[in-house]
Amino acid sequence: MRVQTALKGVSADFIGGIDLRAIDYEAEVQVQILHKFPKGNRWREIHMWDGVGLADAVRRVRALPPSEQAGATIFAPTGMFGIEAIQEIFERPDFPGF
């Protein structure tokens, strides 16, 4: 969920409580991708990347099939990013190119 707010007259974007005004795209993060079993409500880990930069992690997640993207979480020093935040970060005008 994207929330527009103002702090002392400065506009800031927040996703999941994380301030996205200034993102460190080089910060080392951990990525976990969970896959739901076809029957039941059980999840299993299918991917794990550790020590990659945030921009690289976002690119890797966005390159996955949509069904796998849905279970993605990026753990960064500033907080956790679910798929909605990952998509938002990818679409930012300041997101670094390849």
PDB file of N, CA and C in Angstrom:
ATOM      1  N   MET A   1       0.839  -1.172   0.000  1.00  0.00           N
ATOM      2  CA  MET A   1       0.000   0.000   0.000  1.00  0.00           C
ATOM      3  C   MET A   1       0.881   1.231   0.000  1.00  0.00           C
ATOM      4  N   ARG A   2       0.592   2.175  -0.840  1.00  0.00           N
ATOM      5  CA  ARG A   2       1.362   3.405  -0.946  1.00  0.00           C
ATOM      6  C   ARG A   2       0.606   4.509  -0.234  1.00  0.00           C
ATOM      7  N   VAL A   3       1.280   5.209   0.659  1.00  0.00           N
ATOM      8  CA  VAL A   3       0.657   6.273   1.430  1.00  0.00           C
ATOM      9  C   VAL A   3       1.433   7.556   1.203  1.00  0.00           C
ATOM     10  N   GLN A   4       0.741   8.621   0.844  1.00  0.00           N
ATOM     11  CA  GLN A   4       1.370   9.924   0.694  1.00  0.00           C
ATOM     12  C   GLN A   4       1.184  10.666   2.008  1.00  0.00           C
ATOM     13  N   THR A   5       2.257  11.217   2.529  1.00  0.00           N
ATOM     14  CA  THR A   5       2.190  11.931   3.796  1.00  0.00           C
ATOM     15  C   THR A   5       3.100  13.143   3.727  1.00  0.00           C
ATOM     16  N   ALA A   6       3.028  13.992   4.719  1.00  0.00           N
ATOM     17  CA  ALA A   6       3.890  15.176   4.776  1.00  0.00           C
ATOM     18  C   ALA A   6       4.563  15.240   6.132  1.00  0.00           C
ATOM     19  N   LEU A   7       5.856  15.464   6.143  1.00  0.00           N
ATOM     20  CA  LEU A   7       6.614  15.633   7.365  1.00  0.00           C
ATOM     21  C   LEU A   7       7.254  17.010   7.341  1.00  0.00           C
ATOM     22  N   LYS A   8       6.822  17.888   8.207  1.00  0.00           N
ATOM     23  CA  LYS A   8       7.355  19.257   8.282  1.00  0.00           C
ATOM     24  C   LYS A   8       7.386  19.914   6.903  1.00  0.00           C
ATOM     25  N   GLY A   9       6.297  19.761   6.162  1.00  0.00           N
ATOM     26  CA  GLY A   9       6.184  20.404   4.863  1.00  0.00           C
ATOM     27  C   GLY A   9       6.879  19.684   3.716  1.00  0.00           C
ATOM     28  N   VAL A  10       7.508  18.548   4.004  1.00  0.00           N
ATOM     29  CA  VAL A  10       8.201  17.789   2.962  1.00  0.00           C
ATOM     30  C   VAL A  10       7.355  16.570   2.620  1.00  0.00           C
ATOM     31  N   SER A  11       7.099  16.372   1.338  1.00  0.00           N
ATOM     32  CA  SER A  11       6.321  15.222   0.912  1.00  0.00           C
ATOM     33  C   SER A  11       7.196  13.973   0.950  1.00  0.00           C
ATOM     34  N   ALA A  12       6.649  12.873   1.453  1.00  0.00           N
ATOM     35  CA  ALA A  12       7.403  11.616   1.530  1.00  0.00           C
ATOM     36  C   ALA A  12       6.504  10.470   1.125  1.00  0.00           C
ATOM     37  N   ASP A  13       7.070   9.493   0.459  1.00  0.00           N
ATOM     38  CA  ASP A  13       6.348   8.287   0.100  1.00  0.00           C
ATOM     39  C   ASP A  13       6.742   7.182   1.061  1.00  0.00           C
ATOM     40  N   PHE A  14       5.749   6.434   1.517  1.00  0.00           N
ATOM     41  CA  PHE A  14       5.989   5.319   2.415  1.00  0.00           C
ATOM     42  C   PHE A  14       5.321   4.084   1.850  1.00  0.00           C
ATOM     43  N   ILE A  15       6.011   2.964   1.906  1.00  0.00           N
ATOM     44  CA  ILE A  15       5.419   1.678   1.549  1.00  0.00           C
ATOM     45  C   ILE A  15       5.668   0.760   2.722  1.00  0.00           C
ATOM     46  N   GLY A  16       4.604   0.248   3.296  1.00  0.00           N
ATOM     47  CA  GLY A  16       4.739  -0.649   4.431  1.00  0.00           C
ATOM     48  C   GLY A  16       5.495  -0.010   5.581  1.00  0.00           C
ATOM     49  N   GLY A  17       5.353   1.313   5.735  1.00  0.00           N
ATOM     50  CA  GLY A  17       6.027   2.015   6.823  1.00  0.00           C
ATOM     51  C   GLY A  17       7.479   2.358   6.538  1.00  0.00           C
ATOM     52  N   ILE A  18       7.966   2.057   5.330  1.00  0.00           N
ATOM     53  CA  ILE A  18       9.362   2.339   4.978  1.00  0.00           C
ATOM     54  C   ILE A  18       9.411   3.589   4.116  1.00  0.00           C
ATOM     55  N   ASP A  19      10.242   4.533   4.515  1.00  0.00           N
ATOM     56  CA  ASP A  19      10.400   5.790   3.794  1.00  0.00           C
ATOM     57  C   ASP A  19      11.201   5.544   2.516  1.00  0.00           C
ATOM     58  N   LEU A  20      10.593   5.825   1.375  1.00  0.00           N
ATOM     59  CA  LEU A  20      11.247   5.561   0.096  1.00  0.00           C
ATOM     60  C   LEU A  20      11.809   6.824  -0.559  1.00  0.00           C
ATOM     61  N   ARG A  21      11.921   7.911   0.200  1.00  0.00           N
ATOM     62  CA  ARG A  21      12.471   9.137  -0.395  1.00  0.00           C
ATOM     63  C   ARG A  21      13.897   8.927  -0.863  1.00  0.00           C
ATOM     64  N   ALA A  22      14.678   8.243  -0.072  1.00  0.00           N
ATOM     65  CA  ALA A  22      16.082   7.997  -0.432  1.00  0.00           C
ATOM     66  C   ALA A  22      16.380   6.526  -0.216  1.00  0.00           C
ATOM     67  N   ILE A  23      16.546   5.808  -1.294  1.00  0.00           N
ATOM     68  CA  ILE A  23      16.816   4.377  -1.217  1.00  0.00           C
ATOM     69  C   ILE A  23      18.280   4.146  -1.547  1.00  0.00           C
ATOM     70  N   ASP A  24      18.929   3.315  -0.740  1.00  0.00           N
ATOM     71  CA  ASP A  24      20.317   2.929  -1.016  1.00  0.00           C
ATOM     72  C   ASP A  24      20.270   1.672  -1.879  1.00  0.00           C
ATOM     73  N   TYR A  25      20.400   1.848  -3.179  1.00  0.00           N
ATOM     74  CA  TYR A  25      20.307   0.725  -4.105  1.00  0.00           C
ATOM     75  C   TYR A  25      21.494  -0.230  -4.001  1.00  0.00           C
ATOM     76  N   GLU A  26      22.570   0.203  -3.344  1.00  0.00           N
ATOM     77  CA  GLU A  26      23.759  -0.636  -3.189  1.00  0.00           C
ATOM     78  C   GLU A  26      23.759  -1.415  -1.871  1.00  0.00           C
ATOM     79  N   ALA A  27      22.805  -1.136  -0.988  1.00  0.00           N
ATOM     80  CA  ALA A  27      22.754  -1.818   0.316  1.00  0.00           C
ATOM     81  C   ALA A  27      22.660  -3.324   0.124  1.00  0.00           C
ATOM     82  N   GLU A  28      23.423  -4.080   0.909  1.00  0.00           N
ATOM     83  CA  GLU A  28      23.354  -5.541   0.836  1.00  0.00           C
ATOM     84  C   GLU A  28      22.067  -6.023   1.465  1.00  0.00           C
ATOM     85  N   VAL A  29      21.386  -6.905   0.742  1.00  0.00           N
ATOM     86  CA  VAL A  29      20.097  -7.424   1.187  1.00  0.00           C
ATOM     87  C   VAL A  29      20.075  -8.938   1.074  1.00  0.00           C
ATOM     88  N   GLN A  30      19.037  -9.502   1.618  1.00  0.00           N
ATOM     89  CA  GLN A  30      18.776 -10.932   1.511  1.00  0.00           C
ATOM     90  C   GLN A  30      17.404 -11.074   0.856  1.00  0.00           C
ATOM     91  N   VAL A  31      17.283 -12.026  -0.052  1.00  0.00           N
ATOM     92  CA  VAL A  31      16.021 -12.255  -0.759  1.00  0.00           C
ATOM     93  C   VAL A  31      15.532 -13.661  -0.439  1.00  0.00           C
ATOM     94  N   GLN A  32      14.250 -13.762  -0.143  1.00  0.00           N
ATOM     95  CA  GLN A  32      13.636 -15.057   0.103  1.00  0.00           C
ATOM     96  C   GLN A  32      12.402 -15.155  -0.784  1.00  0.00           C
ATOM     97  N   ILE A  33      12.296 -16.261  -1.509  1.00  0.00           N
ATOM     98  CA  ILE A  33      11.134 -16.510  -2.349  1.00  0.00           C
ATOM     99  C   ILE A  33      10.460 -17.769  -1.821  1.00  0.00           C
ATOM    100  N   LEU A  34       9.205 -17.639  -1.442  1.00  0.00           N
ATOM    101  CA  LEU A  34       8.436 -18.781  -0.955  1.00  0.00           C
ATOM    102  C   LEU A  34       7.436 -19.207  -2.009  1.00  0.00           C
ATOM    103  N   HIS A  35       7.194 -20.488  -2.066  1.00  0.00           N
ATOM    104  CA  HIS A  35       6.241 -21.048  -3.018  1.00  0.00           C
ATOM    105  C   HIS A  35       5.175 -21.802  -2.233  1.00  0.00           C
ATOM    106  N   LYS A  36       3.932 -21.562  -2.564  1.00  0.00           N
ATOM    107  CA  LYS A  36       2.826 -22.245  -1.883  1.00  0.00           C
ATOM    108  C   LYS A  36       2.599 -23.603  -2.530  1.00  0.00           C
ATOM    109  N   PHE A  37       2.482 -24.625  -1.700  1.00  0.00           N
ATOM    110  CA  PHE A  37       2.172 -25.959  -2.213  1.00  0.00           C
ATOM    111  C   PHE A  37       0.788 -25.941  -2.852  1.00  0.00           C
ATOM    112  N   PRO A  38       0.575 -26.758  -3.891  1.00  0.00           N
ATOM    113  CA  PRO A  38      -0.718 -26.759  -4.575  1.00  0.00           C
ATOM    114  C   PRO A  38      -1.894 -27.094  -3.661  1.00  0.00           C
ATOM    115  N   LYS A  39      -1.671 -27.982  -2.703  1.00  0.00           N
ATOM    116  CA  LYS A  39      -2.752 -28.352  -1.783  1.00  0.00           C
ATOM    117  C   LYS A  39      -2.369 -27.914  -0.382  1.00  0.00           C
ATOM    118  N   GLY A  40      -3.325 -27.349   0.320  1.00  0.00           N
ATOM    119  CA  GLY A  40      -3.075 -26.925   1.687  1.00  0.00           C
ATOM    120  C   GLY A  40      -2.530 -25.514   1.744  1.00  0.00           C
ATOM    121  N   ASN A  41      -2.298 -25.068   2.938  1.00  0.00           N
ATOM    122  CA  ASN A  41      -1.824 -23.708   3.160  1.00  0.00           C
ATOM    123  C   ASN A  41      -0.388 -23.746   3.667  1.00  0.00           C
ATOM    124  N   ARG A  42       0.474 -24.493   2.988  1.00  0.00           N
ATOM    125  CA  ARG A  42       1.860 -24.638   3.409  1.00  0.00           C
ATOM    126  C   ARG A  42       2.778 -23.961   2.400  1.00  0.00           C
ATOM    127  N   TRP A  43       3.838 -23.368   2.909  1.00  0.00           N
ATOM    128  CA  TRP A  43       4.807 -22.673   2.074  1.00  0.00           C
ATOM    129  C   TRP A  43       6.159 -23.355   2.197  1.00  0.00           C
ATOM    130  N   ARG A  44       6.939 -23.279   1.151  1.00  0.00           N
ATOM    131  CA  ARG A  44       8.303 -23.777   1.218  1.00  0.00           C
ATOM    132  C   ARG A  44       9.209 -22.778   0.515  1.00  0.00           C
ATOM    133  N   GLU A  45      10.435 -22.700   0.980  1.00  0.00           N
ATOM    134  CA  GLU A  45      11.399 -21.789   0.375  1.00  0.00           C
ATOM    135  C   GLU A  45      11.927 -22.398  -0.912  1.00  0.00           C
ATOM    136  N   ILE A  46      11.980 -21.601  -1.980  1.00  0.00           N
ATOM    137  CA  ILE A  46      12.517 -22.125  -3.230  1.00  0.00           C
ATOM    138  C   ILE A  46      13.750 -21.353  -3.705  1.00  0.00           C
ATOM    139  N   HIS A  47      13.926 -20.136  -3.242  1.00  0.00           N
ATOM    140  CA  HIS A  47      15.094 -19.348  -3.612  1.00  0.00           C
ATOM    141  C   HIS A  47      15.589 -18.586  -2.385  1.00  0.00           C
ATOM    142  N   MET A  48      16.882 -18.394  -2.328  1.00  0.00           N
ATOM    143  CA  MET A  48      17.447 -17.537  -1.290  1.00  0.00           C
ATOM    144  C   MET A  48      18.721 -16.935  -1.841  1.00  0.00           C
ATOM    145  N   TRP A  49      18.773 -15.620  -1.871  1.00  0.00           N
ATOM    146  CA  TRP A  49      19.982 -14.920  -2.273  1.00  0.00           C
ATOM    147  C   TRP A  49      20.415 -14.068  -1.102  1.00  0.00           C
ATOM    148  N   ASP A  50      21.698 -14.037  -0.836  1.00  0.00           N
ATOM    149  CA  ASP A  50      22.219 -13.276   0.296  1.00  0.00           C
ATOM    150  C   ASP A  50      23.400 -12.441  -0.168  1.00  0.00           C
ATOM    151  N   GLY A  51      23.512 -11.228   0.364  1.00  0.00           N
ATOM    152  CA  GLY A  51      24.658 -10.386   0.058  1.00  0.00           C
ATOM    153  C   GLY A  51      24.619  -9.746  -1.314  1.00  0.00           C
ATOM    154  N   VAL A  52      23.437  -9.598  -1.901  1.00  0.00           N
ATOM    155  CA  VAL A  52      23.308  -8.912  -3.187  1.00  0.00           C
ATOM    156  C   VAL A  52      22.832  -7.483  -2.929  1.00  0.00           C
ATOM    157  N   GLY A  53      23.116  -6.585  -3.853  1.00  0.00           N
ATOM    158  CA  GLY A  53      22.648  -5.210  -3.727  1.00  0.00           C
ATOM    159  C   GLY A  53      21.143  -5.132  -3.933  1.00  0.00           C
ATOM    160  N   LEU A  54      20.530  -4.113  -3.346  1.00  0.00           N
ATOM    161  CA  LEU A  54      19.077  -3.955  -3.447  1.00  0.00           C
ATOM    162  C   LEU A  54      18.617  -3.872  -4.899  1.00  0.00           C
ATOM    163  N   ALA A  55      19.292  -3.081  -5.734  1.00  0.00           N
ATOM    164  CA  ALA A  55      18.877  -2.949  -7.136  1.00  0.00           C
ATOM    165  C   ALA A  55      18.941  -4.296  -7.846  1.00  0.00           C
ATOM    166  N   ASP A  56      20.013  -5.049  -7.630  1.00  0.00           N
ATOM    167  CA  ASP A  56      20.142  -6.367  -8.251  1.00  0.00           C
ATOM    168  C   ASP A  56      19.044  -7.302  -7.754  1.00  0.00           C
ATOM    169  N   ALA A  57      18.751  -7.260  -6.463  1.00  0.00           N
ATOM    170  CA  ALA A  57      17.700  -8.109  -5.900  1.00  0.00           C
ATOM    171  C   ALA A  57      16.350  -7.784  -6.522  1.00  0.00           C
ATOM    172  N   VAL A  58      16.040  -6.497  -6.678  1.00  0.00           N
ATOM    173  CA  VAL A  58      14.770  -6.091  -7.287  1.00  0.00           C
ATOM    174  C   VAL A  58      14.701  -6.592  -8.725  1.00  0.00           C
ATOM    175  N   ARG A  59      15.783  -6.455  -9.479  1.00  0.00           N
ATOM    176  CA  ARG A  59      15.810  -6.943 -10.865  1.00  0.00           C
ATOM    177  C   ARG A  59      15.588  -8.451 -10.925  1.00  0.00           C
ATOM    178  N   ARG A  60      16.251  -9.192 -10.030  1.00  0.00           N
ATOM    179  CA  ARG A  60      16.114 -10.655 -10.017  1.00  0.00           C
ATOM    180  C   ARG A  60      14.677 -11.072  -9.736  1.00  0.00           C
ATOM    181  N   VAL A  61      14.055 -10.410  -8.761  1.00  0.00           N
ATOM    182  CA  VAL A  61      12.667 -10.751  -8.418  1.00  0.00           C
ATOM    183  C   VAL A  61      11.751 -10.440  -9.592  1.00  0.00           C
ATOM    184  N   ARG A  62      11.925  -9.271 -10.224  1.00  0.00           N
ATOM    185  CA  ARG A  62      11.061  -8.886 -11.335  1.00  0.00           C
ATOM    186  C   ARG A  62      11.248  -9.791 -12.552  1.00  0.00           C
ATOM    187  N   ALA A  63      12.385 -10.490 -12.657  1.00  0.00           N
ATOM    188  CA  ALA A  63      12.638 -11.397 -13.775  1.00  0.00           C
ATOM    189  C   ALA A  63      11.973 -12.755 -13.582  1.00  0.00           C
ATOM    190  N   LEU A  64      11.484 -13.027 -12.385  1.00  0.00           N
ATOM    191  CA  LEU A  64      10.830 -14.305 -12.099  1.00  0.00           C
ATOM    192  C   LEU A  64       9.421 -14.335 -12.686  1.00  0.00           C
ATOM    193  N   PRO A  65       8.864 -15.520 -12.897  1.00  0.00           N
ATOM    194  CA  PRO A  65       7.456 -15.612 -13.302  1.00  0.00           C
ATOM    195  C   PRO A  65       6.570 -14.988 -12.217  1.00  0.00           C
ATOM    196  N   PRO A  66       5.434 -14.405 -12.597  1.00  0.00           N
ATOM    197  CA  PRO A  66       4.551 -13.758 -11.622  1.00  0.00           C
ATOM    198  C   PRO A  66       4.183 -14.633 -10.425  1.00  0.00           C
ATOM    199  N   SER A  67       4.000 -15.928 -10.644  1.00  0.00           N
ATOM    200  CA  SER A  67       3.619 -16.812  -9.533  1.00  0.00           C
ATOM    201  C   SER A  67       4.729 -16.895  -8.480  1.00  0.00           C
ATOM    202  N   GLU A  68       5.986 -16.785  -8.910  1.00  0.00           N
ATOM    203  CA  GLU A  68       7.098 -16.807  -7.962  1.00  0.00           C
ATOM    204  C   GLU A  68       7.332 -15.427  -7.357  1.00  0.00           C
ATOM    205  N   GLN A  69       7.074 -14.360  -8.122  1.00  0.00           N
ATOM    206  CA  GLN A  69       7.221 -13.011  -7.593  1.00  0.00           C
ATOM    207  C   GLN A  69       6.319 -12.800  -6.374  1.00  0.00           C
ATOM    208  N   ALA A  70       5.137 -13.400  -6.406  1.00  0.00           N
ATOM    209  CA  ALA A  70       4.160 -13.201  -5.332  1.00  0.00           C
ATOM    210  C   ALA A  70       4.701 -13.596  -3.967  1.00  0.00           C
ATOM    211  N   GLY A  71       5.609 -14.554  -3.905  1.00  0.00           N
ATOM    212  CA  GLY A  71       6.162 -15.008  -2.630  1.00  0.00           C
ATOM    213  C   GLY A  71       7.479 -14.358  -2.267  1.00  0.00           C
ATOM    214  N   ALA A  72       7.855 -13.283  -2.959  1.00  0.00           N
ATOM    215  CA  ALA A  72       9.158 -12.653  -2.739  1.00  0.00           C
ATOM    216  C   ALA A  72       9.144 -11.665  -1.577  1.00  0.00           C
ATOM    217  N   THR A  73      10.220 -11.691  -0.815  1.00  0.00           N
ATOM    218  CA  THR A  73      10.457 -10.707   0.239  1.00  0.00           C
ATOM    219  C   THR A  73      11.933 -10.350   0.204  1.00  0.00           C
ATOM    220  N   ILE A  74      12.217  -9.051   0.240  1.00  0.00           N
ATOM    221  CA  ILE A  74      13.592  -8.568   0.330  1.00  0.00           C
ATOM    222  C   ILE A  74      13.787  -8.032   1.734  1.00  0.00           C
ATOM    223  N   PHE A  75      14.831  -8.520   2.394  1.00  0.00           N
ATOM    224  CA  PHE A  75      15.177  -8.065   3.738  1.00  0.00           C
ATOM    225  C   PHE A  75      16.366  -7.116   3.619  1.00  0.00           C
ATOM    226  N   ALA A  76      16.124  -5.831   3.861  1.00  0.00           N
ATOM    227  CA  ALA A  76      17.144  -4.787   3.748  1.00  0.00           C
ATOM    228  C   ALA A  76      17.431  -4.209   5.137  1.00  0.00           C
ATOM    229  N   PRO A  77      18.533  -3.480   5.286  1.00  0.00           N
ATOM    230  CA  PRO A  77      18.827  -2.856   6.576  1.00  0.00           C
ATOM    231  C   PRO A  77      17.714  -1.911   7.050  1.00  0.00           C
ATOM    232  N   THR A  78      16.970  -1.326   6.100  1.00  0.00           N
ATOM    233  CA  THR A  78      15.912  -0.385   6.459  1.00  0.00           C
ATOM    234  C   THR A  78      14.559  -1.037   6.682  1.00  0.00           C
ATOM    235  N   GLY A  79      14.423  -2.323   6.368  1.00  0.00           N
ATOM    236  CA  GLY A  79      13.149  -3.010   6.572  1.00  0.00           C
ATOM    237  C   GLY A  79      12.925  -4.105   5.545  1.00  0.00           C
ATOM    238  N   MET A  80      11.704  -4.613   5.533  1.00  0.00           N
ATOM    239  CA  MET A  80      11.298  -5.705   4.649  1.00  0.00           C
ATOM    240  C   MET A  80      10.476  -5.156   3.494  1.00  0.00           C
ATOM    241  N   PHE A  81      10.732  -5.652   2.287  1.00  0.00           N
ATOM    242  CA  PHE A  81       9.970  -5.238   1.117  1.00  0.00           C
ATOM    243  C   PHE A  81       9.237  -6.442   0.545  1.00  0.00           C
ATOM    244  N   GLY A  82       7.907  -6.383   0.517  1.00  0.00           N
ATOM    245  CA  GLY A  82       7.104  -7.404  -0.136  1.00  0.00           C
ATOM    246  C   GLY A  82       6.973  -7.076  -1.617  1.00  0.00           C
ATOM    247  N   ILE A  83       6.207  -7.860  -2.350  1.00  0.00           N
ATOM    248  CA  ILE A  83       6.131  -7.706  -3.802  1.00  0.00           C
ATOM    249  C   ILE A  83       5.588  -6.338  -4.204  1.00  0.00           C
ATOM    250  N   GLU A  84       4.649  -5.758  -3.474  1.00  0.00           N
ATOM    251  CA  GLU A  84       4.117  -4.438  -3.837  1.00  0.00           C
ATOM    252  C   GLU A  84       5.213  -3.388  -3.764  1.00  0.00           C
ATOM    253  N   ALA A  85       6.007  -3.429  -2.698  1.00  0.00           N
ATOM    254  CA  ALA A  85       7.111  -2.475  -2.548  1.00  0.00           C
ATOM    255  C   ALA A  85       8.190  -2.724  -3.592  1.00  0.00           C
ATOM    256  N   ILE A  86       8.461  -3.988  -3.908  1.00  0.00           N
ATOM    257  CA  ILE A  86       9.464  -4.328  -4.924  1.00  0.00           C
ATOM    258  C   ILE A  86       9.041  -3.755  -6.276  1.00  0.00           C
ATOM    259  N   GLN A  87       7.787  -3.894  -6.620  1.00  0.00           N
ATOM    260  CA  GLN A  87       7.279  -3.340  -7.882  1.00  0.00           C
ATOM    261  C   GLN A  87       7.385  -1.821  -7.884  1.00  0.00           C
ATOM    262  N   GLU A  88       7.047  -1.203  -6.772  1.00  0.00           N
ATOM    263  CA  GLU A  88       7.122   0.254  -6.647  1.00  0.00           C
ATOM    264  C   GLU A  88       8.567   0.743  -6.807  1.00  0.00           C
ATOM    265  N   ILE A  89       9.498   0.055  -6.176  1.00  0.00           N
ATOM    266  CA  ILE A  89      10.915   0.429  -6.281  1.00  0.00           C
ATOM    267  C   ILE A  89      11.382   0.299  -7.725  1.00  0.00           C
ATOM    268  N   PHE A  90      11.007  -0.787  -8.392  1.00  0.00           N
ATOM    269  CA  PHE A  90      11.411  -1.034  -9.776  1.00  0.00           C
ATOM    270  C   PHE A  90      10.921   0.072 -10.709  1.00  0.00           C
ATOM    271  N   GLU A  91       9.750   0.629 -10.421  1.00  0.00           N
ATOM    272  CA  GLU A  91       9.138   1.646 -11.274  1.00  0.00           C
ATOM    273  C   GLU A  91       9.590   3.069 -10.953  1.00  0.00           C
ATOM    274  N   ARG A  92      10.396   3.241  -9.925  1.00  0.00           N
ATOM    275  CA  ARG A  92      10.858   4.590  -9.566  1.00  0.00           C
ATOM    276  C   ARG A  92      11.734   5.176 -10.677  1.00  0.00           C
ATOM    277  N   PRO A  93      11.616   6.473 -10.910  1.00  0.00           N
ATOM    278  CA  PRO A  93      12.442   7.087 -11.963  1.00  0.00           C
ATOM    279  C   PRO A  93      13.933   7.053 -11.649  1.00  0.00           C
ATOM    280  N   ASP A  94      14.294   6.946 -10.378  1.00  0.00           N
ATOM    281  CA  ASP A  94      15.717   6.916 -10.024  1.00  0.00           C
ATOM    282  C   ASP A  94      16.279   5.501  -9.916  1.00  0.00           C
ATOM    283  N   PHE A  95      15.468   4.477 -10.278  1.00  0.00           N
ATOM    284  CA  PHE A  95      15.956   3.103 -10.216  1.00  0.00           C
ATOM    285  C   PHE A  95      17.085   2.936 -11.234  1.00  0.00           C
ATOM    286  N   PRO A  96      18.247   2.400 -10.798  1.00  0.00           N
ATOM    287  CA  PRO A  96      19.383   2.285 -11.713  1.00  0.00           C
ATOM    288  C   PRO A  96      19.125   1.312 -12.861  1.00  0.00           C
ATOM    289  N   GLY A  97      19.574   1.686 -14.041  1.00  0.00           N
ATOM    290  CA  GLY A  97      19.447   0.823 -15.219  1.00  0.00           C
ATOM    291  C   GLY A  97      20.387  -0.359 -15.140  1.00  0.00           C
ATOM    292  N   PHE A  98      20.335  -1.190 -16.130  1.00  0.00           N
ATOM    293  CA  PHE A  98      21.140  -2.417 -16.142  1.00  0.00           C
ATOM    294  C   PHE A  98      22.572  -2.107 -16.443  1.00  0.00           C
TER     295      PHE A  98
END
